[in-house]
N, C-alpha and C. Protein backbone atom coordinates (compact mmCIF):
# COMPACT_ATOMS: atom_id res chain seq x y z
N UNK A 1 -17.46 -4.93 -31.66
CA UNK A 1 -15.96 -4.25 -31.45
C UNK A 1 -15.33 -4.52 -29.90
N UNK A 2 -14.28 -5.38 -29.96
CA UNK A 2 -13.99 -6.14 -29.07
C UNK A 2 -13.02 -5.00 -28.31
N UNK A 3 -12.96 -5.20 -27.01
CA UNK A 3 -12.56 -3.88 -25.81
C UNK A 3 -11.48 -4.48 -25.40
N UNK A 4 -10.11 -4.16 -25.11
CA UNK A 4 -9.12 -4.46 -25.00
C UNK A 4 -9.11 -4.43 -23.71
N UNK A 5 -8.75 -5.54 -22.98
CA UNK A 5 -8.10 -4.69 -21.53
C UNK A 5 -7.05 -3.89 -20.92
N UNK A 6 -7.07 -3.52 -19.90
CA UNK A 6 -6.33 -1.84 -19.51
C UNK A 6 -4.87 -3.67 -19.36
N UNK A 7 -4.30 -2.27 -20.03
CA UNK A 7 -2.47 -3.18 -19.67
C UNK A 7 -1.57 -2.13 -18.17
N UNK A 8 -1.34 -3.17 -17.47
CA UNK A 8 -0.93 -3.01 -16.75
C UNK A 8 0.39 -2.22 -15.87
N UNK A 9 0.85 -1.74 -15.28
CA UNK A 9 2.00 -0.51 -14.90
C UNK A 9 2.75 -0.96 -13.75
N UNK A 10 3.80 -1.17 -14.08
CA UNK A 10 5.45 -1.20 -12.38
C UNK A 10 5.08 0.01 -12.07
N UNK A 11 4.91 0.64 -11.30
CA UNK A 11 6.24 1.87 -10.68
C UNK A 11 6.83 1.28 -9.39
N UNK A 12 7.94 2.53 -9.00
CA UNK A 12 8.64 2.24 -7.76
C UNK A 12 8.20 3.50 -7.44
N UNK A 13 8.04 3.14 -6.11
CA UNK A 13 6.78 3.70 -5.25
C UNK A 13 8.02 4.02 -3.54
N UNK A 14 9.08 5.15 -4.24
CA UNK A 14 10.87 4.76 -2.61
C UNK A 14 9.84 5.55 -1.42
N UNK A 15 8.72 6.62 -1.58
CA UNK A 15 8.78 6.84 -0.29
C UNK A 15 7.66 5.86 0.29
N UNK A 16 7.26 4.67 0.26
CA UNK A 16 6.90 3.57 0.52
C UNK A 16 7.68 2.59 0.44
N UNK A 17 8.52 2.56 -0.07
CA UNK A 17 9.79 1.18 -0.68
C UNK A 17 8.88 0.11 -1.05
N UNK A 18 7.65 -0.34 -2.17
CA UNK A 18 8.21 -0.95 -2.58
C UNK A 18 7.53 -0.25 -4.52
N UNK A 19 7.23 -1.41 -5.34
CA UNK A 19 6.73 -1.83 -6.46
C UNK A 19 5.55 -1.80 -6.79
N UNK A 20 4.47 -0.88 -7.55
CA UNK A 20 3.09 -0.84 -6.96
C UNK A 20 2.94 -1.35 -8.69
N UNK A 21 1.80 -2.57 -8.95
CA UNK A 21 1.33 -2.54 -10.33
C UNK A 21 -0.74 -2.07 -10.41
N UNK A 22 -0.43 -1.71 -11.06
CA UNK A 22 -1.58 -0.74 -11.49
C UNK A 22 -2.54 -1.60 -12.55
N UNK A 23 -3.65 -0.99 -12.42
CA UNK A 23 -4.26 -2.23 -13.22
C UNK A 23 -5.23 -1.09 -13.88
N UNK A 24 -5.92 -0.49 -14.73
CA UNK A 24 -6.70 0.95 -15.02
C UNK A 24 -6.47 2.08 -13.70
N UNK A 25 -5.19 2.24 -13.72
CA UNK A 25 -4.99 3.35 -12.28
C UNK A 25 -5.38 2.92 -10.91
N UNK A 26 -5.71 1.10 -10.53
CA UNK A 26 -5.85 1.76 -9.22
C UNK A 26 -4.32 0.13 -9.20
N UNK A 27 -4.76 0.08 -8.09
CA UNK A 27 -3.43 -0.76 -7.14
C UNK A 27 -4.23 -1.57 -7.00
N UNK A 28 -3.54 -2.91 -8.18
CA UNK A 28 -4.08 -4.14 -7.60
C UNK A 28 -2.34 -5.17 -6.65
N UNK A 29 -1.88 -4.56 -6.88
CA UNK A 29 -0.57 -5.33 -5.41
C UNK A 29 0.13 -4.41 -5.37
N UNK A 30 1.20 -5.39 -4.74
CA UNK A 30 2.49 -4.28 -4.89
C UNK A 30 3.80 -5.53 -4.47
N UNK A 31 5.15 -5.34 -4.46
CA UNK A 31 6.00 -5.70 -3.23
C UNK A 31 6.84 -4.78 -2.78
N UNK A 32 7.40 -5.84 -1.60
CA UNK A 32 7.98 -4.39 -0.90
C UNK A 32 9.12 -4.64 -1.02
N UNK A 33 10.55 -3.64 -0.43
CA UNK A 33 11.59 -3.84 0.23
C UNK A 33 12.17 -2.82 0.54
N UNK A 34 13.54 -2.64 1.41
CA UNK A 34 14.37 -2.09 2.00
C UNK A 34 15.69 -1.63 1.50
N UNK A 35 16.08 -1.36 1.33
CA UNK A 35 17.89 -0.89 0.69
C UNK A 35 18.39 -0.84 1.77
N UNK A 36 19.69 -1.65 1.75
CA UNK A 36 20.54 -2.14 2.85
C UNK A 36 22.05 -1.92 1.78
N UNK A 37 21.70 -0.65 1.73
CA UNK A 37 23.96 0.03 0.99
C UNK A 37 23.37 -0.57 -0.44
N UNK A 38 24.37 -1.75 -0.85
CA UNK A 38 24.15 -1.40 -2.70
C UNK A 38 23.18 -2.42 -2.89
N UNK A 39 22.49 -3.35 -1.74
CA UNK A 39 21.33 -4.13 -1.65
C UNK A 39 19.99 -4.56 -1.93
N UNK A 40 18.69 -4.18 -2.70
CA UNK A 40 17.46 -3.76 -2.09
C UNK A 40 17.39 -5.77 -1.92
N UNK A 41 16.39 -5.27 -0.52
CA UNK A 41 16.02 -6.84 0.62
C UNK A 41 14.70 -6.76 0.05
N UNK A 42 14.25 -7.36 -0.86
CA UNK A 42 12.31 -7.95 -0.85
C UNK A 42 11.73 -9.24 0.32
N UNK A 43 11.03 -8.40 0.49
CA UNK A 43 10.45 -9.46 2.41
C UNK A 43 9.00 -9.20 1.07
N UNK A 44 8.12 -9.48 0.94
CA UNK A 44 6.86 -9.68 0.93
C UNK A 44 6.20 -8.87 -0.67
N UNK A 45 5.32 -9.68 -1.21
CA UNK A 45 5.01 -9.34 -2.49
C UNK A 45 3.39 -10.19 -2.24
N UNK A 46 2.53 -9.23 -2.41
CA UNK A 46 0.70 -9.55 -3.08
C UNK A 46 0.36 -8.67 -3.58
N UNK A 47 -0.71 -9.76 -4.15
CA UNK A 47 -1.63 -8.95 -5.75
C UNK A 47 -3.18 -9.45 -4.30
N UNK A 48 -4.11 -8.27 -5.11
CA UNK A 48 -5.30 -8.57 -3.95
C UNK A 48 -6.18 -9.15 -4.55
N UNK A 49 -7.28 -10.08 -4.44
CA UNK A 49 -7.77 -11.30 -4.64
C UNK A 49 -8.28 -10.97 -5.60
N UNK A 50 -9.21 -9.51 -5.53
CA UNK A 50 -9.95 -8.94 -7.01
C UNK A 50 -8.74 -9.17 -8.59
N UNK A 51 -7.40 -9.04 -8.15
CA UNK A 51 -6.89 -9.47 -9.35
C UNK A 51 -6.18 -10.97 -9.81
N UNK A 52 -6.76 -12.02 -8.21
CA UNK A 52 -5.85 -12.86 -8.63
C UNK A 52 -5.87 -13.21 -9.84
N UNK A 53 -5.17 -14.58 -10.40
CA UNK A 53 -4.48 -15.18 -12.06
C UNK A 53 -4.40 -14.66 -13.18
N UNK A 54 -4.08 -13.56 -12.91
CA UNK A 54 -3.77 -12.75 -13.77
C UNK A 54 -1.98 -12.40 -14.78
N UNK A 55 -1.45 -13.14 -13.61
CA UNK A 55 0.08 -13.06 -14.56
C UNK A 55 1.23 -11.71 -13.29
N UNK A 56 0.09 -11.36 -12.55
CA UNK A 56 0.42 -9.35 -12.87
C UNK A 56 0.99 -10.14 -11.41
N UNK A 57 1.77 -10.75 -10.89
CA UNK A 57 2.80 -11.07 -9.87
C UNK A 57 3.94 -10.99 -10.47
N UNK A 58 3.85 -12.19 -11.35
CA UNK A 58 5.72 -12.41 -12.24
C UNK A 58 5.57 -11.16 -12.60
N UNK A 59 4.74 -10.29 -13.50
CA UNK A 59 4.80 -9.09 -14.25
C UNK A 59 5.55 -8.27 -13.47
N UNK A 60 4.56 -7.75 -11.87
CA UNK A 60 5.66 -7.09 -10.83
C UNK A 60 6.61 -7.64 -10.67
N UNK A 61 6.75 -8.36 -10.53
CA UNK A 61 8.29 -8.97 -9.77
C UNK A 61 9.35 -8.58 -11.19
N UNK A 62 8.73 -9.35 -11.97
CA UNK A 62 10.37 -8.74 -12.95
C UNK A 62 10.32 -8.39 -13.87
N UNK A 63 9.78 -7.22 -13.69
CA UNK A 63 9.32 -5.35 -14.01
C UNK A 63 10.63 -4.42 -12.61
N UNK A 64 10.51 -5.39 -11.56
CA UNK A 64 10.69 -4.66 -10.03
C UNK A 64 12.66 -5.09 -10.55
N UNK A 65 12.74 -6.59 -10.51
CA UNK A 65 13.79 -6.76 -10.40
C UNK A 65 14.59 -6.06 -11.36
N UNK A 66 13.82 -6.07 -13.13
CA UNK A 66 14.62 -5.00 -14.10
C UNK A 66 15.40 -3.90 -13.76
N UNK A 67 14.46 -3.13 -12.66
CA UNK A 67 14.68 -1.60 -11.76
C UNK A 67 15.73 -1.84 -11.26
N UNK A 68 16.37 -2.68 -10.28
CA UNK A 68 17.37 -3.61 -9.58
C UNK A 68 18.03 -3.22 -10.33
N UNK A 69 18.55 -4.12 -11.58
CA UNK A 69 19.63 -4.88 -12.13
C UNK A 69 20.01 -2.70 -12.91
N UNK A 70 18.97 -2.72 -13.52
CA UNK A 70 18.91 -1.06 -14.09
C UNK A 70 19.54 0.09 -12.59
N UNK A 71 19.89 0.25 -11.42
CA UNK A 71 20.31 0.80 -10.80
C UNK A 71 21.08 0.19 -10.05
N UNK A 72 22.09 -0.62 -10.85
CA UNK A 72 23.19 -0.89 -10.14
C UNK A 72 22.80 -1.74 -9.32
N UNK A 73 22.11 -2.49 -7.97
CA UNK A 73 21.70 -2.62 -6.78
C UNK A 73 21.96 -4.66 -7.41
N UNK A 74 21.89 -5.36 -6.00
CA UNK A 74 21.85 -6.31 -6.03
C UNK A 74 20.49 -6.91 -5.20
N UNK A 75 20.15 -8.35 -5.52
CA UNK A 75 18.15 -8.76 -5.31
C UNK A 75 19.27 -9.11 -4.06
N UNK A 76 17.86 -9.33 -2.65
CA UNK A 76 17.95 -10.00 -1.53
C UNK A 76 16.74 -11.09 -1.80
N UNK A 77 16.62 -12.12 -2.04
CA UNK A 77 15.24 -12.45 -1.99
C UNK A 77 14.45 -13.18 -0.51
N UNK A 78 14.28 -12.10 0.53
CA UNK A 78 13.43 -13.00 1.33
C UNK A 78 12.31 -13.09 1.53
N UNK A 79 11.33 -12.80 0.26
CA UNK A 79 9.93 -12.98 0.33
C UNK A 79 9.73 -14.24 -0.92
N UNK A 80 9.57 -15.65 0.22
CA UNK A 80 9.49 -16.02 -0.82
C UNK A 80 9.09 -16.38 -2.58
N UNK A 81 7.95 -15.51 -2.60
CA UNK A 81 7.31 -15.23 -3.86
C UNK A 81 8.79 -15.11 -4.40
N UNK A 82 9.37 -13.60 -4.53
CA UNK A 82 10.95 -13.48 -4.77
C UNK A 82 11.26 -14.71 -5.44
N UNK A 83 11.98 -15.82 -4.21
CA UNK A 83 12.80 -16.32 -4.27
C UNK A 83 12.29 -17.24 -5.34
N UNK A 84 10.98 -17.56 -5.12
CA UNK A 84 10.04 -18.64 -6.56
C UNK A 84 11.41 -18.35 -7.78
N UNK A 85 10.44 -16.69 -8.10
CA UNK A 85 10.98 -16.46 -9.10
C UNK A 85 12.07 -16.30 -9.81
N UNK A 86 13.50 -16.50 -8.62
CA UNK A 86 14.36 -16.67 -9.39
C UNK A 86 15.09 -17.41 -9.64
N UNK A 87 14.89 -18.14 -9.17
CA UNK A 87 14.64 -20.43 -9.33
C UNK A 87 14.71 -20.33 -10.45
N UNK A 88 12.90 -19.90 -11.41
CA UNK A 88 12.45 -19.99 -12.67
C UNK A 88 13.39 -18.70 -13.65
N UNK A 89 13.93 -17.85 -13.30
CA UNK A 89 14.73 -17.15 -14.22
C UNK A 89 16.56 -16.34 -14.00
N UNK A 90 16.56 -17.46 -14.12
CA UNK A 90 18.56 -17.12 -14.14
C UNK A 90 18.55 -16.21 -14.75
N UNK A 91 18.10 -15.11 -15.37
CA UNK A 91 18.85 -14.13 -16.11
C UNK A 91 18.45 -13.24 -15.00
N UNK A 92 18.79 -13.24 -13.96
CA UNK A 92 18.84 -12.55 -12.06
C UNK A 92 19.72 -12.66 -11.75
N UNK A 93 20.49 -14.43 -11.88
CA UNK A 93 21.23 -15.12 -11.19
C UNK A 93 22.99 -14.39 -10.34
N UNK A 94 22.85 -13.21 -11.53
CA UNK A 94 24.07 -13.04 -11.23
C UNK A 94 24.52 -11.50 -10.04
N UNK A 95 22.69 -11.40 -9.58
CA UNK A 95 22.64 -10.07 -8.78
C UNK A 95 21.95 -11.01 -7.76
N UNK A 96 21.95 -11.45 -7.47
CA UNK A 96 21.57 -11.83 -6.46
C UNK A 96 22.78 -12.50 -5.34
N UNK A 97 22.04 -11.91 -4.43
CA UNK A 97 22.60 -12.42 -2.71
C UNK A 97 22.20 -13.48 -1.91
N UNK A 98 22.58 -13.67 -1.02
CA UNK A 98 22.13 -15.15 0.18
C UNK A 98 21.52 -14.38 0.81
N UNK A 99 20.50 -14.78 1.05
CA UNK A 99 19.88 -14.21 2.23
C UNK A 99 20.57 -15.22 3.65
N UNK A 100 21.14 -14.05 4.85
CA UNK A 100 21.96 -14.79 5.39
C UNK A 100 20.94 -14.22 7.01
N UNK A 101 21.72 -15.24 8.00
CA UNK A 101 20.99 -14.63 9.42
C UNK A 101 21.77 -13.33 10.01
N UNK A 102 22.40 -12.10 8.80
CA UNK A 102 22.73 -10.73 9.68
C UNK A 102 21.98 -9.91 8.40
N UNK A 103 21.15 -10.60 7.64
CA UNK A 103 20.30 -9.31 6.73
C UNK A 103 18.67 -9.61 7.58
N UNK A 104 18.13 -11.29 8.08
CA UNK A 104 17.24 -11.02 8.27
C UNK A 104 17.61 -10.42 9.33
N UNK A 105 18.40 -10.01 10.72
CA UNK A 105 18.42 -9.35 11.68
C UNK A 105 18.40 -8.23 11.18
N UNK A 106 19.14 -7.42 10.28
CA UNK A 106 19.18 -5.78 9.98
C UNK A 106 17.54 -5.58 9.25
N UNK A 107 17.05 -6.72 8.82
CA UNK A 107 15.08 -6.48 8.31
C UNK A 107 14.03 -6.48 9.07
N UNK A 108 14.90 -7.33 10.32
CA UNK A 108 13.89 -7.71 11.49
C UNK A 108 14.07 -5.89 12.34
N UNK A 109 14.86 -5.33 12.46
CA UNK A 109 15.22 -4.00 13.03
C UNK A 109 14.29 -2.49 11.93
N UNK A 110 14.75 -2.93 11.03
CA UNK A 110 13.81 -1.90 10.10
C UNK A 110 12.23 -2.32 9.97
N UNK A 111 11.91 -2.69 10.53
CA UNK A 111 10.16 -3.84 10.18
C UNK A 111 9.79 -3.68 11.33
N UNK A 112 10.39 -3.41 12.24
CA UNK A 112 9.87 -3.96 13.95
C UNK A 112 9.34 -4.56 14.20
């Protein structure tokens, strides 16, 4: 009898300004954001080494961006991984705002 792999689950954790991907209840990675009005500014994505190579970053970002669409917000991809993902997934193109010096200054002031 073959054992199936646990299904990864993505959760938005508003108190920590991030989406987390969980595998069998363990946090495998995250994508962090800050909200700037109607924009959700993504600035960092990481997957723990123990979970690398399983496609979890792509799944995490896909579900996070779908949540942004559902919430009526816009996407600002400061995070290089999110920016690269968006180049390959044009279905989100209508939601993307440019990364501008103003956004970067604002983000820097929020992150310290």
